[in-house]
């Protein structure tokens, strides 16, 4: 994110983000459909070495059923995750019969995030998504810790990291604050009970 809380409107150090994220050894990665769809061209061109036996599960919130069938197989074969799981709601459009992806259906019109996370039965879940999913998780009280890679820029007018709807005031306890090269700051907070 930028100093003013934006996630767009500047060039993020994505390599640094994933290098830091790689140190967390998560059991599951939770992503939103928009984040996955933004990787469509890269997935289509990726060599696809196959599932990573010791990798985390990838769970994708796809309540509107926008992820095409071919992408589920490409995600599984990308070499990052051990398996993929589609998170749907009852109102998610019908999927092709015999589709080769596990799914969890919870919630009437939107994916019920609390039950979906419980179904993952994972110790550490890392969220790799934009503001809409992050904000929904925060509003539902489903976040234990925030890890922010703050870039030394003011993006102004761009989307905030917590999504389009305001997040109610959350009390945070600072865990760590590290200064990295290139003026980046890595801030970690625990959401206070």
N, C-alpha and C. Protein backbone atom coordinates (compact mmCIF):
# COMPACT_ATOMS: atom_id res chain seq x y z
N UNK A 1 0.84 -1.18 0.00
CA UNK A 1 0.00 0.00 0.00
C UNK A 1 0.88 1.24 0.00
N UNK A 2 0.29 2.38 -0.40
CA UNK A 2 1.00 3.65 -0.32
C UNK A 2 0.83 4.23 1.08
N UNK A 3 1.55 5.30 1.38
CA UNK A 3 1.44 5.93 2.68
C UNK A 3 0.01 6.40 2.95
N UNK A 4 -0.71 6.79 1.89
CA UNK A 4 -2.09 7.25 2.07
C UNK A 4 -3.13 6.13 1.94
N UNK A 5 -2.70 4.87 2.00
CA UNK A 5 -3.62 3.75 2.06
C UNK A 5 -4.13 3.24 0.73
N UNK A 6 -3.51 3.63 -0.37
CA UNK A 6 -3.95 3.17 -1.69
C UNK A 6 -3.25 1.87 -2.07
N UNK A 7 -3.93 1.09 -2.90
CA UNK A 7 -3.32 -0.14 -3.43
C UNK A 7 -3.09 -0.04 -4.93
N UNK A 8 -3.54 1.05 -5.54
CA UNK A 8 -3.32 1.28 -6.96
C UNK A 8 -2.82 2.71 -7.15
N UNK A 9 -2.36 3.00 -8.35
CA UNK A 9 -1.90 4.35 -8.65
C UNK A 9 -0.40 4.53 -8.42
N UNK A 10 0.33 3.44 -8.17
CA UNK A 10 1.77 3.49 -8.00
C UNK A 10 2.32 2.10 -8.33
N UNK A 11 3.62 2.02 -8.54
CA UNK A 11 4.24 0.72 -8.85
C UNK A 11 4.68 0.05 -7.55
N UNK A 12 3.97 -1.00 -7.19
CA UNK A 12 4.26 -1.73 -5.95
C UNK A 12 5.43 -2.68 -6.17
N UNK A 13 6.19 -2.90 -5.11
CA UNK A 13 7.30 -3.86 -5.14
C UNK A 13 6.72 -5.25 -4.85
N UNK A 14 6.12 -5.85 -5.86
CA UNK A 14 5.44 -7.13 -5.71
C UNK A 14 6.43 -8.23 -5.35
N UNK A 15 7.62 -8.18 -5.92
CA UNK A 15 8.64 -9.18 -5.59
C UNK A 15 8.97 -9.17 -4.11
N UNK A 16 9.13 -8.00 -3.53
CA UNK A 16 9.41 -7.89 -2.10
C UNK A 16 8.25 -8.43 -1.28
N UNK A 17 7.02 -8.10 -1.70
CA UNK A 17 5.85 -8.60 -0.99
C UNK A 17 5.86 -10.13 -0.94
N UNK A 18 6.06 -10.76 -2.09
CA UNK A 18 6.01 -12.22 -2.11
C UNK A 18 7.22 -12.84 -1.42
N UNK A 19 8.34 -12.16 -1.40
CA UNK A 19 9.49 -12.66 -0.63
C UNK A 19 9.17 -12.67 0.86
N UNK A 20 8.54 -11.61 1.35
CA UNK A 20 8.13 -11.56 2.75
C UNK A 20 7.03 -12.59 3.04
N UNK A 21 6.07 -12.68 2.15
CA UNK A 21 4.96 -13.62 2.34
C UNK A 21 5.47 -15.06 2.36
N UNK A 22 6.52 -15.33 1.62
CA UNK A 22 7.08 -16.67 1.59
C UNK A 22 7.69 -17.12 2.90
N UNK A 23 7.91 -16.19 3.82
CA UNK A 23 8.49 -16.55 5.12
C UNK A 23 7.43 -17.00 6.12
N UNK A 24 6.15 -16.88 5.79
CA UNK A 24 5.09 -17.13 6.76
C UNK A 24 4.66 -18.59 6.84
N UNK A 25 4.97 -19.38 5.83
CA UNK A 25 4.61 -20.81 5.82
C UNK A 25 3.13 -21.02 6.14
N UNK A 26 2.27 -20.36 5.36
CA UNK A 26 0.83 -20.50 5.60
C UNK A 26 0.33 -21.89 5.23
N UNK A 27 -0.76 -22.26 5.87
CA UNK A 27 -1.43 -23.53 5.56
C UNK A 27 -2.40 -23.35 4.40
N UNK A 28 -2.93 -22.14 4.27
CA UNK A 28 -3.87 -21.84 3.19
C UNK A 28 -3.68 -20.39 2.76
N UNK A 29 -3.91 -20.15 1.47
CA UNK A 29 -3.90 -18.81 0.91
C UNK A 29 -5.33 -18.50 0.49
N UNK A 30 -5.88 -17.39 0.96
CA UNK A 30 -7.23 -16.97 0.61
C UNK A 30 -7.12 -15.81 -0.36
N UNK A 31 -7.76 -15.95 -1.51
CA UNK A 31 -7.71 -14.90 -2.53
C UNK A 31 -9.11 -14.61 -3.03
N UNK A 32 -9.29 -13.41 -3.55
CA UNK A 32 -10.55 -13.03 -4.17
C UNK A 32 -10.51 -13.28 -5.66
N UNK A 33 -11.67 -13.37 -6.27
CA UNK A 33 -11.76 -13.64 -7.70
C UNK A 33 -11.05 -12.56 -8.52
N UNK A 34 -11.17 -11.28 -8.13
CA UNK A 34 -10.52 -10.22 -8.89
C UNK A 34 -9.00 -10.40 -8.92
N UNK A 35 -8.43 -10.81 -7.79
CA UNK A 35 -6.98 -11.03 -7.72
C UNK A 35 -6.58 -12.16 -8.66
N UNK A 36 -7.35 -13.22 -8.70
CA UNK A 36 -7.06 -14.36 -9.58
C UNK A 36 -7.26 -13.96 -11.04
N UNK A 37 -8.36 -13.29 -11.35
CA UNK A 37 -8.63 -12.90 -12.73
C UNK A 37 -7.57 -11.94 -13.27
N UNK A 38 -6.97 -11.13 -12.40
CA UNK A 38 -5.90 -10.22 -12.83
C UNK A 38 -4.66 -10.99 -13.28
N UNK A 39 -4.56 -12.27 -12.90
CA UNK A 39 -3.41 -13.10 -13.27
C UNK A 39 -3.70 -14.00 -14.48
N UNK A 40 -4.79 -13.76 -15.18
CA UNK A 40 -5.22 -14.64 -16.27
C UNK A 40 -4.13 -14.82 -17.33
N UNK A 41 -3.54 -13.73 -17.80
CA UNK A 41 -2.52 -13.85 -18.85
C UNK A 41 -1.30 -14.60 -18.34
N UNK A 42 -0.87 -14.32 -17.12
CA UNK A 42 0.30 -15.00 -16.57
C UNK A 42 0.03 -16.49 -16.39
N UNK A 43 -1.18 -16.85 -15.94
CA UNK A 43 -1.52 -18.26 -15.78
C UNK A 43 -1.56 -18.99 -17.12
N UNK A 44 -2.09 -18.31 -18.13
CA UNK A 44 -2.18 -18.94 -19.45
C UNK A 44 -0.80 -19.23 -20.02
N UNK A 45 0.19 -18.39 -19.69
CA UNK A 45 1.54 -18.56 -20.23
C UNK A 45 2.45 -19.38 -19.32
N UNK A 46 2.01 -19.68 -18.10
CA UNK A 46 2.86 -20.38 -17.13
C UNK A 46 3.08 -21.83 -17.55
N UNK A 47 4.27 -22.39 -17.23
CA UNK A 47 4.56 -23.77 -17.64
C UNK A 47 3.73 -24.82 -16.91
N UNK A 48 3.28 -24.55 -15.70
CA UNK A 48 2.44 -25.50 -14.98
C UNK A 48 3.14 -26.76 -14.55
N UNK A 49 4.06 -26.67 -13.58
CA UNK A 49 4.79 -27.86 -13.14
C UNK A 49 3.94 -28.85 -12.35
N UNK A 50 2.76 -28.44 -11.94
CA UNK A 50 1.89 -29.33 -11.16
C UNK A 50 1.78 -28.86 -9.73
N UNK A 51 0.90 -29.49 -8.97
CA UNK A 51 0.70 -29.10 -7.57
C UNK A 51 1.98 -29.21 -6.76
N UNK A 52 2.14 -28.32 -5.78
CA UNK A 52 3.28 -28.37 -4.85
C UNK A 52 2.85 -29.22 -3.67
N UNK A 53 3.44 -30.38 -3.53
CA UNK A 53 3.02 -31.33 -2.49
C UNK A 53 3.02 -30.71 -1.10
N UNK A 54 3.99 -29.87 -0.81
CA UNK A 54 4.07 -29.25 0.52
C UNK A 54 3.57 -27.81 0.52
N UNK A 55 2.91 -27.39 -0.54
CA UNK A 55 2.41 -26.02 -0.63
C UNK A 55 1.09 -25.86 0.11
N UNK A 56 0.68 -24.62 0.32
CA UNK A 56 -0.60 -24.37 0.99
C UNK A 56 -1.78 -24.65 0.04
N UNK A 57 -2.94 -24.77 0.61
CA UNK A 57 -4.18 -24.84 -0.14
C UNK A 57 -4.49 -23.43 -0.64
N UNK A 58 -4.99 -23.29 -1.86
CA UNK A 58 -5.47 -22.01 -2.35
C UNK A 58 -6.99 -22.03 -2.34
N UNK A 59 -7.61 -21.13 -1.58
CA UNK A 59 -9.06 -20.99 -1.53
C UNK A 59 -9.43 -19.66 -2.17
N UNK A 60 -10.31 -19.70 -3.16
CA UNK A 60 -10.67 -18.50 -3.91
C UNK A 60 -12.15 -18.18 -3.70
N UNK A 61 -12.42 -16.98 -3.20
CA UNK A 61 -13.80 -16.51 -3.04
C UNK A 61 -14.31 -16.11 -4.41
N UNK A 62 -15.24 -16.89 -4.94
CA UNK A 62 -15.77 -16.68 -6.29
C UNK A 62 -17.29 -16.77 -6.25
N UNK A 63 -17.90 -15.89 -5.49
CA UNK A 63 -19.34 -15.92 -5.28
C UNK A 63 -20.16 -15.68 -6.52
N UNK A 64 -19.59 -15.02 -7.52
CA UNK A 64 -20.34 -14.76 -8.76
C UNK A 64 -19.97 -15.75 -9.87
N UNK A 65 -19.11 -16.72 -9.55
CA UNK A 65 -18.75 -17.75 -10.53
C UNK A 65 -18.04 -17.21 -11.75
N UNK A 66 -17.11 -16.28 -11.55
CA UNK A 66 -16.44 -15.63 -12.68
C UNK A 66 -15.16 -16.34 -13.13
N UNK A 67 -14.59 -17.21 -12.29
CA UNK A 67 -13.35 -17.88 -12.65
C UNK A 67 -13.68 -18.97 -13.67
N UNK A 68 -13.09 -18.90 -14.89
CA UNK A 68 -13.38 -19.94 -15.89
C UNK A 68 -12.77 -21.28 -15.47
N UNK A 69 -13.38 -22.36 -15.95
CA UNK A 69 -12.96 -23.70 -15.56
C UNK A 69 -11.47 -23.96 -15.82
N UNK A 70 -10.94 -23.48 -16.95
CA UNK A 70 -9.54 -23.77 -17.26
C UNK A 70 -8.59 -23.16 -16.23
N UNK A 71 -9.01 -22.04 -15.60
CA UNK A 71 -8.13 -21.38 -14.63
C UNK A 71 -7.97 -22.20 -13.35
N UNK A 72 -9.01 -22.96 -12.96
CA UNK A 72 -8.88 -23.77 -11.75
C UNK A 72 -7.75 -24.79 -11.92
N UNK A 73 -7.70 -25.44 -13.06
CA UNK A 73 -6.63 -26.41 -13.33
C UNK A 73 -5.28 -25.71 -13.41
N UNK A 74 -5.24 -24.54 -14.04
CA UNK A 74 -3.99 -23.78 -14.16
C UNK A 74 -3.49 -23.35 -12.78
N UNK A 75 -4.39 -22.95 -11.91
CA UNK A 75 -3.99 -22.57 -10.54
C UNK A 75 -3.41 -23.77 -9.80
N UNK A 76 -4.08 -24.91 -9.91
CA UNK A 76 -3.62 -26.12 -9.23
C UNK A 76 -2.23 -26.53 -9.75
N UNK A 77 -2.00 -26.35 -11.05
CA UNK A 77 -0.74 -26.78 -11.66
C UNK A 77 0.34 -25.71 -11.66
N UNK A 78 0.08 -24.57 -11.06
CA UNK A 78 1.03 -23.45 -11.10
C UNK A 78 2.31 -23.71 -10.30
N UNK A 79 2.29 -24.71 -9.43
CA UNK A 79 3.48 -25.04 -8.66
C UNK A 79 3.59 -24.32 -7.34
N UNK A 80 2.56 -23.57 -6.96
CA UNK A 80 2.59 -22.82 -5.70
C UNK A 80 1.74 -23.47 -4.62
N UNK A 81 0.65 -24.14 -5.03
CA UNK A 81 -0.34 -24.65 -4.08
C UNK A 81 -0.49 -26.15 -4.21
N UNK A 82 -0.89 -26.77 -3.12
CA UNK A 82 -1.10 -28.22 -3.12
C UNK A 82 -2.45 -28.59 -3.75
N UNK A 83 -3.43 -27.70 -3.60
CA UNK A 83 -4.78 -27.94 -4.10
C UNK A 83 -5.50 -26.60 -4.16
N UNK A 84 -6.60 -26.55 -4.90
CA UNK A 84 -7.42 -25.33 -4.95
C UNK A 84 -8.83 -25.67 -4.49
N UNK A 85 -9.49 -24.67 -3.93
CA UNK A 85 -10.85 -24.80 -3.44
C UNK A 85 -11.62 -23.56 -3.86
N UNK A 86 -12.75 -23.76 -4.54
CA UNK A 86 -13.63 -22.67 -4.95
C UNK A 86 -14.63 -22.42 -3.83
N UNK A 87 -14.73 -21.18 -3.37
CA UNK A 87 -15.69 -20.80 -2.34
C UNK A 87 -16.86 -20.10 -3.02
N UNK A 88 -18.04 -20.72 -2.93
CA UNK A 88 -19.23 -20.22 -3.60
C UNK A 88 -20.35 -19.97 -2.59
N UNK A 89 -21.37 -19.25 -3.05
CA UNK A 89 -22.60 -19.05 -2.29
C UNK A 89 -23.72 -19.82 -2.98
N UNK A 90 -24.84 -19.95 -2.32
CA UNK A 90 -25.98 -20.63 -2.94
C UNK A 90 -26.41 -19.94 -4.22
N UNK A 91 -26.24 -18.62 -4.30
CA UNK A 91 -26.66 -17.85 -5.48
C UNK A 91 -25.61 -17.86 -6.60
N UNK A 92 -24.47 -18.49 -6.39
CA UNK A 92 -23.45 -18.56 -7.45
C UNK A 92 -24.05 -19.26 -8.66
N UNK A 93 -23.84 -18.71 -9.86
CA UNK A 93 -24.39 -19.37 -11.05
C UNK A 93 -23.95 -20.83 -11.14
N UNK A 94 -24.79 -21.63 -11.77
CA UNK A 94 -24.52 -23.06 -11.91
C UNK A 94 -23.15 -23.28 -12.58
N UNK A 95 -22.45 -24.28 -12.06
CA UNK A 95 -21.14 -24.65 -12.61
C UNK A 95 -21.30 -25.86 -13.52
N UNK A 96 -20.33 -26.03 -14.41
CA UNK A 96 -20.37 -27.16 -15.34
C UNK A 96 -20.35 -28.48 -14.58
N UNK A 97 -21.18 -29.43 -14.97
CA UNK A 97 -21.14 -30.73 -14.30
C UNK A 97 -19.78 -31.38 -14.52
N UNK A 98 -19.29 -32.08 -13.51
CA UNK A 98 -18.01 -32.76 -13.62
C UNK A 98 -16.81 -31.85 -13.56
N UNK A 99 -17.01 -30.60 -13.17
CA UNK A 99 -15.90 -29.65 -13.07
C UNK A 99 -14.87 -30.18 -12.08
N UNK A 100 -13.61 -30.06 -12.43
CA UNK A 100 -12.53 -30.65 -11.64
C UNK A 100 -11.95 -29.66 -10.62
N UNK A 101 -12.78 -29.22 -9.67
CA UNK A 101 -12.29 -28.37 -8.59
C UNK A 101 -13.18 -28.62 -7.36
N UNK A 102 -12.55 -28.77 -6.22
CA UNK A 102 -13.32 -28.90 -4.98
C UNK A 102 -14.01 -27.57 -4.71
N UNK A 103 -15.17 -27.65 -4.07
CA UNK A 103 -15.85 -26.39 -3.73
C UNK A 103 -16.52 -26.47 -2.38
N UNK A 104 -16.65 -25.29 -1.78
CA UNK A 104 -17.40 -25.10 -0.54
C UNK A 104 -18.50 -24.11 -0.88
N UNK A 105 -19.74 -24.44 -0.52
CA UNK A 105 -20.87 -23.54 -0.75
C UNK A 105 -21.40 -23.14 0.62
N UNK A 106 -21.36 -21.85 0.89
CA UNK A 106 -21.85 -21.33 2.16
C UNK A 106 -22.30 -19.90 2.01
N UNK A 107 -23.47 -19.59 2.53
CA UNK A 107 -24.03 -18.25 2.40
C UNK A 107 -25.07 -18.23 1.30
N UNK A 108 -26.09 -17.43 1.47
CA UNK A 108 -27.17 -17.39 0.48
C UNK A 108 -26.77 -16.60 -0.76
N UNK A 109 -26.55 -15.29 -0.60
CA UNK A 109 -26.24 -14.43 -1.76
C UNK A 109 -24.74 -14.16 -1.90
N UNK A 110 -24.02 -14.16 -0.77
CA UNK A 110 -22.58 -13.93 -0.77
C UNK A 110 -21.92 -15.09 -0.04
N UNK A 111 -20.65 -15.31 -0.33
CA UNK A 111 -19.92 -16.35 0.37
C UNK A 111 -19.84 -15.99 1.84
N UNK A 112 -20.25 -16.90 2.70
CA UNK A 112 -20.17 -16.70 4.15
C UNK A 112 -18.72 -16.95 4.56
N UNK A 113 -17.99 -15.88 4.82
CA UNK A 113 -16.55 -15.99 5.04
C UNK A 113 -16.19 -16.75 6.31
N UNK A 114 -16.93 -16.54 7.39
CA UNK A 114 -16.64 -17.24 8.64
C UNK A 114 -16.73 -18.75 8.46
N UNK A 115 -17.86 -19.27 7.96
CA UNK A 115 -17.96 -20.71 7.73
C UNK A 115 -16.94 -21.21 6.70
N UNK A 116 -16.64 -20.40 5.70
CA UNK A 116 -15.65 -20.83 4.70
C UNK A 116 -14.28 -20.99 5.35
N UNK A 117 -13.88 -20.04 6.19
CA UNK A 117 -12.59 -20.16 6.88
C UNK A 117 -12.59 -21.36 7.82
N UNK A 118 -13.70 -21.60 8.50
CA UNK A 118 -13.79 -22.77 9.39
C UNK A 118 -13.65 -24.06 8.59
N UNK A 119 -14.23 -24.09 7.38
CA UNK A 119 -14.15 -25.28 6.54
C UNK A 119 -12.72 -25.55 6.07
N UNK A 120 -11.91 -24.50 5.97
CA UNK A 120 -10.52 -24.70 5.55
C UNK A 120 -9.75 -25.51 6.59
N UNK A 121 -10.14 -25.38 7.86
CA UNK A 121 -9.49 -26.09 8.95
C UNK A 121 -7.97 -25.92 8.86
N UNK A 122 -7.54 -24.68 8.67
CA UNK A 122 -6.12 -24.36 8.48
C UNK A 122 -5.62 -23.53 9.65
N UNK A 123 -4.38 -23.73 10.03
CA UNK A 123 -3.78 -22.95 11.11
C UNK A 123 -3.56 -21.51 10.69
N UNK A 124 -2.67 -21.28 9.74
CA UNK A 124 -2.34 -19.93 9.28
C UNK A 124 -2.90 -19.72 7.88
N UNK A 125 -3.80 -18.75 7.75
CA UNK A 125 -4.39 -18.40 6.47
C UNK A 125 -3.87 -17.02 6.09
N UNK A 126 -3.18 -16.93 4.96
CA UNK A 126 -2.69 -15.65 4.46
C UNK A 126 -3.66 -15.16 3.39
N UNK A 127 -4.09 -13.91 3.51
CA UNK A 127 -4.99 -13.32 2.53
C UNK A 127 -4.15 -12.62 1.47
N UNK A 128 -4.36 -12.99 0.23
CA UNK A 128 -3.67 -12.39 -0.90
C UNK A 128 -4.75 -11.83 -1.81
N UNK A 129 -5.21 -10.64 -1.48
CA UNK A 129 -6.35 -10.10 -2.18
C UNK A 129 -6.37 -8.58 -2.07
N UNK A 130 -7.32 -8.01 -2.75
CA UNK A 130 -7.48 -6.58 -2.72
C UNK A 130 -8.37 -6.11 -1.59
N UNK A 131 -8.81 -4.87 -1.71
CA UNK A 131 -9.54 -4.22 -0.63
C UNK A 131 -10.90 -4.79 -0.32
N UNK A 132 -11.64 -5.27 -1.31
CA UNK A 132 -13.00 -5.73 -1.04
C UNK A 132 -12.99 -6.92 -0.08
N UNK A 133 -12.19 -7.94 -0.37
CA UNK A 133 -12.14 -9.11 0.50
C UNK A 133 -11.50 -8.76 1.84
N UNK A 134 -10.41 -8.00 1.81
CA UNK A 134 -9.75 -7.61 3.06
C UNK A 134 -10.71 -6.83 3.95
N UNK A 135 -11.43 -5.88 3.38
CA UNK A 135 -12.39 -5.10 4.15
C UNK A 135 -13.51 -5.96 4.70
N UNK A 136 -14.01 -6.91 3.91
CA UNK A 136 -15.08 -7.79 4.38
C UNK A 136 -14.60 -8.64 5.55
N UNK A 137 -13.38 -9.15 5.47
CA UNK A 137 -12.82 -9.94 6.57
C UNK A 137 -12.65 -9.09 7.83
N UNK A 138 -12.18 -7.86 7.67
CA UNK A 138 -12.03 -6.95 8.81
C UNK A 138 -13.39 -6.63 9.43
N UNK A 139 -14.37 -6.30 8.58
CA UNK A 139 -15.71 -5.95 9.09
C UNK A 139 -16.36 -7.12 9.82
N UNK A 140 -16.06 -8.35 9.38
CA UNK A 140 -16.64 -9.54 10.01
C UNK A 140 -15.84 -10.03 11.22
N UNK A 141 -14.77 -9.31 11.57
CA UNK A 141 -13.96 -9.70 12.73
C UNK A 141 -13.18 -10.99 12.50
N UNK A 142 -12.75 -11.25 11.27
CA UNK A 142 -12.08 -12.50 10.93
C UNK A 142 -10.58 -12.35 10.71
N UNK A 143 -10.03 -11.22 11.12
CA UNK A 143 -8.60 -10.97 10.94
C UNK A 143 -7.92 -10.94 12.31
N UNK A 144 -6.84 -11.70 12.44
CA UNK A 144 -6.06 -11.69 13.68
C UNK A 144 -4.87 -10.75 13.59
N UNK A 145 -4.30 -10.63 12.40
CA UNK A 145 -3.07 -9.85 12.24
C UNK A 145 -3.05 -9.18 10.88
N UNK A 146 -2.53 -7.95 10.84
CA UNK A 146 -2.33 -7.22 9.59
C UNK A 146 -0.83 -7.09 9.34
N UNK A 147 -0.42 -7.34 8.12
CA UNK A 147 0.96 -7.15 7.71
C UNK A 147 0.92 -6.24 6.49
N UNK A 148 1.48 -5.05 6.63
CA UNK A 148 1.40 -4.04 5.58
C UNK A 148 2.79 -3.69 5.07
N UNK A 149 2.97 -3.75 3.77
CA UNK A 149 4.20 -3.29 3.14
C UNK A 149 3.91 -1.90 2.59
N UNK A 150 4.38 -0.88 3.31
CA UNK A 150 4.06 0.51 2.97
C UNK A 150 5.14 1.09 2.07
N UNK A 151 4.70 1.58 0.90
CA UNK A 151 5.61 2.18 -0.08
C UNK A 151 5.69 3.69 0.15
N UNK A 152 6.85 4.28 -0.02
CA UNK A 152 7.03 5.71 0.25
C UNK A 152 6.50 6.60 -0.88
N UNK A 153 5.20 6.50 -1.15
CA UNK A 153 4.56 7.32 -2.18
C UNK A 153 3.19 7.75 -1.68
N UNK A 154 2.68 8.82 -2.25
CA UNK A 154 1.30 9.25 -2.05
C UNK A 154 0.59 9.03 -3.37
N UNK A 155 -0.31 8.06 -3.43
CA UNK A 155 -0.98 7.72 -4.68
C UNK A 155 -2.18 8.62 -4.93
N UNK A 156 -2.87 9.04 -3.89
CA UNK A 156 -3.98 9.97 -4.00
C UNK A 156 -5.12 9.51 -4.89
N UNK A 157 -6.30 9.43 -4.33
CA UNK A 157 -7.50 9.14 -5.10
C UNK A 157 -7.65 7.69 -5.52
N UNK A 158 -6.72 6.83 -5.15
CA UNK A 158 -6.80 5.43 -5.55
C UNK A 158 -7.60 4.64 -4.51
N UNK A 159 -7.89 3.38 -4.86
CA UNK A 159 -8.63 2.52 -3.94
C UNK A 159 -7.86 2.29 -2.66
N UNK A 160 -8.55 2.31 -1.53
CA UNK A 160 -7.93 2.06 -0.24
C UNK A 160 -7.73 0.56 -0.05
N UNK A 161 -6.77 0.19 0.77
CA UNK A 161 -6.44 -1.23 0.97
C UNK A 161 -7.57 -2.00 1.63
N UNK A 162 -8.49 -1.34 2.30
CA UNK A 162 -9.57 -2.02 3.02
C UNK A 162 -10.87 -2.03 2.23
N UNK A 163 -10.85 -1.63 0.97
CA UNK A 163 -12.03 -1.71 0.13
C UNK A 163 -12.84 -0.43 0.11
N UNK A 164 -13.94 -0.46 -0.63
CA UNK A 164 -14.74 0.74 -0.83
C UNK A 164 -15.57 1.16 0.37
N UNK A 165 -15.89 0.22 1.26
CA UNK A 165 -16.69 0.57 2.44
C UNK A 165 -15.78 0.82 3.63
N UNK A 166 -16.09 1.81 4.45
CA UNK A 166 -15.23 2.06 5.62
C UNK A 166 -15.22 0.88 6.58
N UNK A 167 -14.09 0.68 7.20
CA UNK A 167 -13.96 -0.34 8.23
C UNK A 167 -14.14 0.35 9.57
N UNK A 168 -14.99 -0.20 10.45
CA UNK A 168 -15.16 0.44 11.75
C UNK A 168 -13.84 0.48 12.50
N UNK A 169 -13.69 1.45 13.38
CA UNK A 169 -12.45 1.59 14.13
C UNK A 169 -12.02 0.29 14.78
N UNK A 170 -10.82 -0.14 14.47
CA UNK A 170 -10.27 -1.36 15.04
C UNK A 170 -9.09 -0.99 15.92
N UNK A 171 -9.03 -1.54 17.11
CA UNK A 171 -7.87 -1.34 17.96
C UNK A 171 -6.79 -2.32 17.51
N UNK A 172 -5.59 -1.81 17.31
CA UNK A 172 -4.47 -2.63 16.86
C UNK A 172 -3.32 -2.55 17.84
N UNK A 173 -2.60 -3.65 18.01
CA UNK A 173 -1.38 -3.69 18.82
C UNK A 173 -0.21 -3.90 17.87
N UNK A 174 0.77 -3.03 17.92
CA UNK A 174 1.91 -3.17 17.02
C UNK A 174 2.74 -4.38 17.43
N UNK A 175 3.04 -5.23 16.46
CA UNK A 175 3.91 -6.39 16.67
C UNK A 175 5.34 -6.02 16.28
N UNK A 176 5.48 -5.35 15.12
CA UNK A 176 6.81 -4.99 14.64
C UNK A 176 6.70 -3.89 13.59
N UNK A 177 7.77 -3.16 13.43
CA UNK A 177 7.90 -2.15 12.39
C UNK A 177 9.33 -2.20 11.90
N UNK A 178 9.51 -2.61 10.66
CA UNK A 178 10.85 -2.76 10.08
C UNK A 178 11.03 -1.81 8.92
N UNK A 179 12.18 -1.15 8.86
CA UNK A 179 12.53 -0.32 7.72
C UNK A 179 13.31 -1.20 6.75
N UNK A 180 12.87 -1.24 5.49
CA UNK A 180 13.51 -2.03 4.46
C UNK A 180 14.19 -1.11 3.46
N UNK A 181 14.91 -1.71 2.51
CA UNK A 181 15.56 -0.90 1.48
C UNK A 181 14.51 -0.14 0.68
N UNK A 182 14.97 0.85 -0.05
CA UNK A 182 14.14 1.66 -0.95
C UNK A 182 13.02 2.41 -0.23
N UNK A 183 13.17 2.63 1.08
CA UNK A 183 12.18 3.41 1.83
C UNK A 183 10.93 2.65 2.20
N UNK A 184 10.90 1.35 1.93
CA UNK A 184 9.72 0.55 2.30
C UNK A 184 9.67 0.33 3.80
N UNK A 185 8.46 0.27 4.34
CA UNK A 185 8.25 -0.05 5.75
C UNK A 185 7.35 -1.27 5.83
N UNK A 186 7.75 -2.22 6.66
CA UNK A 186 6.93 -3.41 6.87
C UNK A 186 6.35 -3.31 8.27
N UNK A 187 5.05 -3.08 8.34
CA UNK A 187 4.35 -2.89 9.61
C UNK A 187 3.47 -4.10 9.88
N UNK A 188 3.54 -4.59 11.13
CA UNK A 188 2.71 -5.73 11.51
C UNK A 188 1.96 -5.39 12.80
N UNK A 189 0.65 -5.65 12.74
CA UNK A 189 -0.25 -5.34 13.85
C UNK A 189 -1.10 -6.56 14.19
N UNK A 190 -1.39 -6.74 15.43
CA UNK A 190 -2.36 -7.73 15.89
C UNK A 190 -3.67 -6.99 16.13
N UNK A 191 -4.77 -7.55 15.66
CA UNK A 191 -6.06 -6.95 15.93
C UNK A 191 -6.39 -7.24 17.39
N UNK A 192 -6.60 -6.18 18.15
CA UNK A 192 -6.85 -6.33 19.60
C UNK A 192 -8.22 -6.95 19.82
N UNK A 193 -8.33 -7.78 20.87
CA UNK A 193 -9.63 -8.41 21.15
C UNK A 193 -10.67 -7.38 21.55
